[in-house]
Structure formats: structure tokens, C-alpha cells
């Protein structure tokens, strides 16, 4: 699938990403209809219906037929068949995306880190989890640390060592027993 094909699919789905436009497509799927008829059926103003129809037409979903001053719209079945083939083809599986969210996590780190210092602890749990994950990786797996050593590592990155330490323990990134901490394998960490 080419970038152009992907852009066309996105255009189609964006055009359909509105309740009024979906209703219009549903009504037009039944038969060819004009702006006045559609406006009456949906209790919308004609300019609003015309705007939505223009978006659907620009996305290649509708065909237009002029009859004097009346605009008649119908589904473009050829375009819909192309979309159907694109969406359910194996080519769509080759559209690049990040399965593991590494790009998103790098963006969170870029937004909250100034060099190696954490500017603030994120309020959002998902972002905080990404920061905690980064911070937990500052500890060696299965090495033993006293609370003072854990605090010293954390304080290199942020002054609130107690909060960050408790959060890492809460997510299972660090285990605590008899005053000794140990970083656990990432596969055992709890999700946010």
C-alpha cells in the first residue's frame, strides 16, 4: 500500500467520522437523493447538508448528477469497492505503526526530561508509567539496593525520591523486603 493509498483511506474514514455524514450515506445508500430532501429528512439546514455532502464527495464516496438547479447525490459504488478492497487487503497490514508504543514513550520522555533530569512527575498515569519505566531502568536487574541507594539514584533525576520509589514498588518495578530493594524483570511489571 502506498502513502497515497493510505492518505485516501484516511480521507474516507475522516469523512465518515461524523454522525450527520453517516446518516446521509445511509439515506443515499437507499437511492439517489437531493439536498432539499436530505435536509428535510435529517431536520438540518440545506447549507449544512450541502457542506457535509461536499465533504463526502471530495472523499470520493458520492457521485453528483445535476438536473437543472437540483443536485442529486448517489453512492459511488466503484469507490466503495476500492475502499473495501484496500481495508480488507493484506497490504493494509504493511502500513507502518508502532506496536509497542516506543515512539510514544520517547515523546513522553522528551517532554518531561531535561537532559537526565525529570522536570516534573506527570499527572497522567500512562505518562507517569513511561517515566517510571525509564527510571526503573536506572537500576540493574536483581541487584540489591538499600533505601538510601535507591533514593540517591532517583535524586539524580528528581528531588521527590519517596514518591517515585513508592510508585515503582507499586507497579512491581522494584521489590522491597527487609529494607532492601531489587529491580524486577520488566515482564513482571504491572501495567498502568
C-alpha atoms as a PDB file:
ATOM      1  CA  UNK A   1       0.000   0.000   0.000  1.00  0.00           C
ATOM      2  CA  UNK A   2       1.438   3.363  -0.998  1.00  0.00           C
ATOM      3  CA  UNK A   3       1.382   6.552   1.060  1.00  0.00           C
ATOM      4  CA  UNK A   4      -1.169   7.903  -1.402  1.00  0.00           C
ATOM      5  CA  UNK A   5      -3.444   4.893  -0.807  1.00  0.00           C
ATOM      6  CA  UNK A   6      -3.116   5.339   2.943  1.00  0.00           C
ATOM      7  CA  UNK A   7      -3.931   9.055   2.666  1.00  0.00           C
ATOM      8  CA  UNK A   8      -7.020   8.244   0.574  1.00  0.00           C
ATOM      9  CA  UNK A   9      -8.233   5.735   3.173  1.00  0.00           C
ATOM     10  CA  UNK A  10      -7.738   8.271   5.939  1.00  0.00           C
ATOM     11  CA  UNK A  11      -9.699  10.848   3.931  1.00  0.00           C
ATOM     12  CA  UNK A  12     -12.577   8.361   3.506  1.00  0.00           C
ATOM     13  CA  UNK A  13     -12.687   7.478   7.189  1.00  0.00           C
ATOM     14  CA  UNK A  14     -12.444  11.109   8.297  1.00  0.00           C
ATOM     15  CA  UNK A  15     -15.361  11.944   6.019  1.00  0.00           C
ATOM     16  CA  UNK A  16     -17.370   9.173   7.669  1.00  0.00           C
ATOM     17  CA  UNK A  17     -16.311  10.198  11.173  1.00  0.00           C
ATOM     18  CA  UNK A  18     -19.369  12.384  11.742  1.00  0.00           C
ATOM     19  CA  UNK A  19     -22.876  11.330  12.753  1.00  0.00           C
ATOM     20  CA  UNK A  20     -24.664  13.550  10.209  1.00  0.00           C
ATOM     21  CA  UNK A  21     -22.460  12.357   7.347  1.00  0.00           C
ATOM     22  CA  UNK A  22     -23.037   8.726   8.331  1.00  0.00           C
ATOM     23  CA  UNK A  23     -26.778   9.334   8.313  1.00  0.00           C
ATOM     24  CA  UNK A  24     -26.504  10.979   4.891  1.00  0.00           C
ATOM     25  CA  UNK A  25     -24.634   7.986   3.496  1.00  0.00           C
ATOM     26  CA  UNK A  26     -27.289   5.700   4.960  1.00  0.00           C
ATOM     27  CA  UNK A  27     -30.090   7.656   3.321  1.00  0.00           C
ATOM     28  CA  UNK A  28     -28.279   7.883  -0.007  1.00  0.00           C
ATOM     29  CA  UNK A  29     -27.477   4.165   0.076  1.00  0.00           C
ATOM     30  CA  UNK A  30     -31.186   3.541  -0.377  1.00  0.00           C
ATOM     31  CA  UNK A  31     -31.475   5.687  -3.531  1.00  0.00           C
ATOM     32  CA  UNK A  32     -30.342   8.901  -5.197  1.00  0.00           C
ATOM     33  CA  UNK A  33     -31.437  11.958  -3.204  1.00  0.00           C
ATOM     34  CA  UNK A  34     -31.198  15.761  -3.434  1.00  0.00           C
ATOM     35  CA  UNK A  35     -30.119  18.346  -0.871  1.00  0.00           C
ATOM     36  CA  UNK A  36     -33.637  19.565  -0.065  1.00  0.00           C
ATOM     37  CA  UNK A  37     -34.933  16.051   0.557  1.00  0.00           C
ATOM     38  CA  UNK A  38     -31.958  15.148   2.765  1.00  0.00           C
ATOM     39  CA  UNK A  39     -32.278  18.384   4.758  1.00  0.00           C
ATOM     40  CA  UNK A  40     -35.941  17.629   5.449  1.00  0.00           C
ATOM     41  CA  UNK A  41     -35.249  14.004   6.432  1.00  0.00           C
ATOM     42  CA  UNK A  42     -32.461  14.969   8.865  1.00  0.00           C
ATOM     43  CA  UNK A  43     -34.021  18.228  10.099  1.00  0.00           C
ATOM     44  CA  UNK A  44     -30.867  20.121   9.084  1.00  0.00           C
ATOM     45  CA  UNK A  45     -30.435  23.325   7.145  1.00  0.00           C
ATOM     46  CA  UNK A  46     -29.690  22.940   3.450  1.00  0.00           C
ATOM     47  CA  UNK A  47     -26.274  24.697   3.663  1.00  0.00           C
ATOM     48  CA  UNK A  48     -25.243  22.262   6.408  1.00  0.00           C
ATOM     49  CA  UNK A  49     -26.327  19.285   4.311  1.00  0.00           C
ATOM     50  CA  UNK A  50     -24.534  20.727   1.272  1.00  0.00           C
ATOM     51  CA  UNK A  51     -21.352  21.118   3.324  1.00  0.00           C
ATOM     52  CA  UNK A  52     -21.486  17.500   4.505  1.00  0.00           C
ATOM     53  CA  UNK A  53     -22.278  16.216   1.012  1.00  0.00           C
ATOM     54  CA  UNK A  54     -19.333  18.172  -0.414  1.00  0.00           C
ATOM     55  CA  UNK A  55     -17.015  16.524   2.122  1.00  0.00           C
ATOM     56  CA  UNK A  56     -18.327  13.077   1.225  1.00  0.00           C
ATOM     57  CA  UNK A  57     -17.987  13.848  -2.480  1.00  0.00           C
ATOM     58  CA  UNK A  58     -14.429  15.181  -2.016  1.00  0.00           C
ATOM     59  CA  UNK A  59     -13.567  11.955  -0.208  1.00  0.00           C
ATOM     60  CA  UNK A  60     -14.770  10.066  -3.277  1.00  0.00           C
ATOM     61  CA  UNK A  61     -17.725   8.430  -1.598  1.00  0.00           C
ATOM     62  CA  UNK A  62     -20.515  10.154  -3.528  1.00  0.00           C
ATOM     63  CA  UNK A  63     -21.219  10.936  -7.158  1.00  0.00           C
ATOM     64  CA  UNK A  64     -23.149  14.038  -8.211  1.00  0.00           C
ATOM     65  CA  UNK A  65     -25.678  14.449 -11.011  1.00  0.00           C
ATOM     66  CA  UNK A  66     -27.001  17.873 -11.972  1.00  0.00           C
ATOM     67  CA  UNK A  67     -30.597  18.253 -13.120  1.00  0.00           C
ATOM     68  CA  UNK A  68     -31.109  21.971 -13.737  1.00  0.00           C
ATOM     69  CA  UNK A  69     -30.551  23.609 -10.330  1.00  0.00           C
ATOM     70  CA  UNK A  70     -31.044  20.374  -8.413  1.00  0.00           C
ATOM     71  CA  UNK A  71     -28.024  18.394  -7.217  1.00  0.00           C
ATOM     72  CA  UNK A  72     -28.680  14.652  -6.985  1.00  0.00           C
ATOM     73  CA  UNK A  73     -26.292  12.525  -4.930  1.00  0.00           C
ATOM     74  CA  UNK A  74     -25.707   8.798  -5.069  1.00  0.00           C
ATOM     75  CA  UNK A  75     -23.117   6.468  -3.630  1.00  0.00           C
ATOM     76  CA  UNK A  76     -20.060   5.895  -5.782  1.00  0.00           C
ATOM     77  CA  UNK A  77     -20.130   2.097  -5.656  1.00  0.00           C
ATOM     78  CA  UNK A  78     -16.820   1.777  -7.518  1.00  0.00           C
ATOM     79  CA  UNK A  79     -15.107   3.938  -4.888  1.00  0.00           C
ATOM     80  CA  UNK A  80     -16.699   1.921  -2.090  1.00  0.00           C
ATOM     81  CA  UNK A  81     -15.487  -1.320  -3.676  1.00  0.00           C
ATOM     82  CA  UNK A  82     -11.944   0.112  -3.883  1.00  0.00           C
ATOM     83  CA  UNK A  83     -12.103   1.128  -0.221  1.00  0.00           C
ATOM     84  CA  UNK A  84     -13.391  -2.317   0.698  1.00  0.00           C
ATOM     85  CA  UNK A  85     -10.508  -3.980  -1.160  1.00  0.00           C
ATOM     86  CA  UNK A  86      -7.997  -1.633   0.479  1.00  0.00           C
ATOM     87  CA  UNK A  87      -9.303  -2.082   4.006  1.00  0.00           C
ATOM     88  CA  UNK A  88      -9.516  -5.846   3.802  1.00  0.00           C
ATOM     89  CA  UNK A  89      -6.351  -6.427   1.803  1.00  0.00           C
ATOM     90  CA  UNK A  90      -3.129  -7.800   3.184  1.00  0.00           C
ATOM     91  CA  UNK A  91      -1.431  -4.572   2.055  1.00  0.00           C
ATOM     92  CA  UNK A  92      -3.041  -2.712   4.937  1.00  0.00           C
ATOM     93  CA  UNK A  93      -1.126  -4.954   7.321  1.00  0.00           C
ATOM     94  CA  UNK A  94       2.055  -3.403   5.945  1.00  0.00           C
ATOM     95  CA  UNK A  95       1.112   0.150   6.971  1.00  0.00           C
ATOM     96  CA  UNK A  96       3.887   1.172   9.376  1.00  0.00           C
ATOM     97  CA  UNK A  97       2.900   1.654  13.004  1.00  0.00           C
ATOM     98  CA  UNK A  98       4.436   1.201  16.420  1.00  0.00           C
ATOM     99  CA  UNK A  99       3.145  -1.931  18.117  1.00  0.00           C
ATOM    100  CA  UNK A 100       4.950  -1.427  21.397  1.00  0.00           C
ATOM    101  CA  UNK A 101       4.494   2.318  21.753  1.00  0.00           C
ATOM    102  CA  UNK A 102       8.207   3.123  21.776  1.00  0.00           C
ATOM    103  CA  UNK A 103       7.681   6.278  19.724  1.00  0.00           C
ATOM    104  CA  UNK A 104       5.024   7.498  22.151  1.00  0.00           C
ATOM    105  CA  UNK A 105       7.235   6.737  25.155  1.00  0.00           C
ATOM    106  CA  UNK A 106      10.161   8.607  23.580  1.00  0.00           C
ATOM    107  CA  UNK A 107       7.876  11.599  23.095  1.00  0.00           C
ATOM    108  CA  UNK A 108       6.815  11.484  26.768  1.00  0.00           C
ATOM    109  CA  UNK A 109      10.461  11.317  27.833  1.00  0.00           C
ATOM    110  CA  UNK A 110      11.322  14.223  25.539  1.00  0.00           C
ATOM    111  CA  UNK A 111       8.527  16.290  27.102  1.00  0.00           C
ATOM    112  CA  UNK A 112       9.362  15.523  30.737  1.00  0.00           C
ATOM    113  CA  UNK A 113      13.134  15.187  30.743  1.00  0.00           C
ATOM    114  CA  UNK A 114      15.673  17.966  30.560  1.00  0.00           C
ATOM    115  CA  UNK A 115      18.806  16.011  29.876  1.00  0.00           C
ATOM    116  CA  UNK A 116      18.769  13.397  32.620  1.00  0.00           C
ATOM    117  CA  UNK A 117      16.581  15.461  34.978  1.00  0.00           C
ATOM    118  CA  UNK A 118      12.844  14.951  35.287  1.00  0.00           C
ATOM    119  CA  UNK A 119      11.183  18.389  35.028  1.00  0.00           C
ATOM    120  CA  UNK A 120       8.039  17.155  36.811  1.00  0.00           C
ATOM    121  CA  UNK A 121       6.211  13.965  37.637  1.00  0.00           C
ATOM    122  CA  UNK A 122       3.417  13.576  35.070  1.00  0.00           C
ATOM    123  CA  UNK A 123      -0.145  13.673  36.393  1.00  0.00           C
ATOM    124  CA  UNK A 124      -1.492  11.250  33.774  1.00  0.00           C
ATOM    125  CA  UNK A 125      -0.980   7.624  34.818  1.00  0.00           C
ATOM    126  CA  UNK A 126       0.071   6.455  31.364  1.00  0.00           C
ATOM    127  CA  UNK A 127       2.730   9.156  31.071  1.00  0.00           C
ATOM    128  CA  UNK A 128       3.857   8.598  34.648  1.00  0.00           C
ATOM    129  CA  UNK A 129       4.220   4.892  33.898  1.00  0.00           C
ATOM    130  CA  UNK A 130       6.503   5.696  30.931  1.00  0.00           C
ATOM    131  CA  UNK A 131       8.654   7.884  33.202  1.00  0.00           C
ATOM    132  CA  UNK A 132       8.749   5.234  35.934  1.00  0.00           C
ATOM    133  CA  UNK A 133       9.758   2.624  33.364  1.00  0.00           C
ATOM    134  CA  UNK A 134      12.629   4.847  32.245  1.00  0.00           C
ATOM    135  CA  UNK A 135      13.630   5.474  35.855  1.00  0.00           C
ATOM    136  CA  UNK A 136      13.443   1.797  36.842  1.00  0.00           C
ATOM    137  CA  UNK A 137      15.889   1.001  34.059  1.00  0.00           C
ATOM    138  CA  UNK A 138      18.461   3.023  36.013  1.00  0.00           C
ATOM    139  CA  UNK A 139      18.664   0.037  38.365  1.00  0.00           C
ATOM    140  CA  UNK A 140      20.345  -3.241  37.466  1.00  0.00           C
ATOM    141  CA  UNK A 141      18.097  -6.303  37.393  1.00  0.00           C
ATOM    142  CA  UNK A 142      18.425  -8.435  40.541  1.00  0.00           C
ATOM    143  CA  UNK A 143      20.995  -6.120  42.144  1.00  0.00           C
ATOM    144  CA  UNK A 144      20.335  -5.278  45.791  1.00  0.00           C
ATOM    145  CA  UNK A 145      19.953  -1.663  46.931  1.00  0.00           C
ATOM    146  CA  UNK A 146      19.397  -0.057  50.310  1.00  0.00           C
ATOM    147  CA  UNK A 147      16.706   2.600  50.532  1.00  0.00           C
ATOM    148  CA  UNK A 148      19.435   5.252  50.680  1.00  0.00           C
ATOM    149  CA  UNK A 149      20.979   3.890  47.459  1.00  0.00           C
ATOM    150  CA  UNK A 150      17.585   3.848  45.708  1.00  0.00           C
ATOM    151  CA  UNK A 151      16.960   7.431  46.839  1.00  0.00           C
ATOM    152  CA  UNK A 152      20.396   8.524  45.614  1.00  0.00           C
ATOM    153  CA  UNK A 153      19.728   7.098  42.126  1.00  0.00           C
ATOM    154  CA  UNK A 154      16.283   8.707  41.957  1.00  0.00           C
ATOM    155  CA  UNK A 155      17.509  12.081  43.268  1.00  0.00           C
ATOM    156  CA  UNK A 156      19.938  12.275  40.343  1.00  0.00           C
ATOM    157  CA  UNK A 157      16.790  12.637  38.230  1.00  0.00           C
ATOM    158  CA  UNK A 158      14.180  14.260  40.543  1.00  0.00           C
ATOM    159  CA  UNK A 159      14.116  15.511  44.162  1.00  0.00           C
ATOM    160  CA  UNK A 160      10.944  13.605  45.183  1.00  0.00           C
ATOM    161  CA  UNK A 161      12.574  10.228  45.698  1.00  0.00           C
ATOM    162  CA  UNK A 162       9.904   8.965  48.105  1.00  0.00           C
ATOM    163  CA  UNK A 163       7.013   9.358  45.649  1.00  0.00           C
ATOM    164  CA  UNK A 164       8.877   7.852  42.718  1.00  0.00           C
ATOM    165  CA  UNK A 165      10.217   4.976  44.830  1.00  0.00           C
ATOM    166  CA  UNK A 166       6.707   4.134  46.130  1.00  0.00           C
ATOM    167  CA  UNK A 167       5.291   4.271  42.593  1.00  0.00           C
ATOM    168  CA  UNK A 168       7.956   1.894  41.268  1.00  0.00           C
ATOM    169  CA  UNK A 169       7.232  -0.506  44.141  1.00  0.00           C
ATOM    170  CA  UNK A 170       3.500  -0.193  43.422  1.00  0.00           C
ATOM    171  CA  UNK A 171       3.971  -1.142  39.772  1.00  0.00           C
ATOM    172  CA  UNK A 172       6.234  -4.045  40.727  1.00  0.00           C
ATOM    173  CA  UNK A 173       9.280  -2.458  39.111  1.00  0.00           C
ATOM    174  CA  UNK A 174      11.112  -2.602  42.421  1.00  0.00           C
ATOM    175  CA  UNK A 175      10.574  -5.170  45.165  1.00  0.00           C
ATOM    176  CA  UNK A 176      11.160  -4.292  48.791  1.00  0.00           C
ATOM    177  CA  UNK A 177      11.950  -6.727  51.545  1.00  0.00           C
ATOM    178  CA  UNK A 178      13.630  -6.090  54.923  1.00  0.00           C
ATOM    179  CA  UNK A 179      14.785  -2.639  53.793  1.00  0.00           C
ATOM    180  CA  UNK A 180      16.429  -3.986  50.644  1.00  0.00           C
ATOM    181  CA  UNK A 181      15.192  -3.142  47.139  1.00  0.00           C
ATOM    182  CA  UNK A 182      15.699  -5.079  43.952  1.00  0.00           C
ATOM    183  CA  UNK A 183      14.630  -4.298  40.390  1.00  0.00           C
ATOM    184  CA  UNK A 184      12.403  -6.994  38.936  1.00  0.00           C
ATOM    185  CA  UNK A 185      12.335  -8.185  35.301  1.00  0.00           C
ATOM    186  CA  UNK A 186      10.195  -5.954  33.048  1.00  0.00           C
ATOM    187  CA  UNK A 187       7.978  -8.895  32.127  1.00  0.00           C
ATOM    188  CA  UNK A 188       6.639  -8.900  35.714  1.00  0.00           C
ATOM    189  CA  UNK A 189       5.794  -5.191  35.913  1.00  0.00           C
ATOM    190  CA  UNK A 190       2.150  -4.278  36.377  1.00  0.00           C
ATOM    191  CA  UNK A 191       0.573  -2.197  33.672  1.00  0.00           C
ATOM    192  CA  UNK A 192      -0.971   1.223  34.369  1.00  0.00           C
END
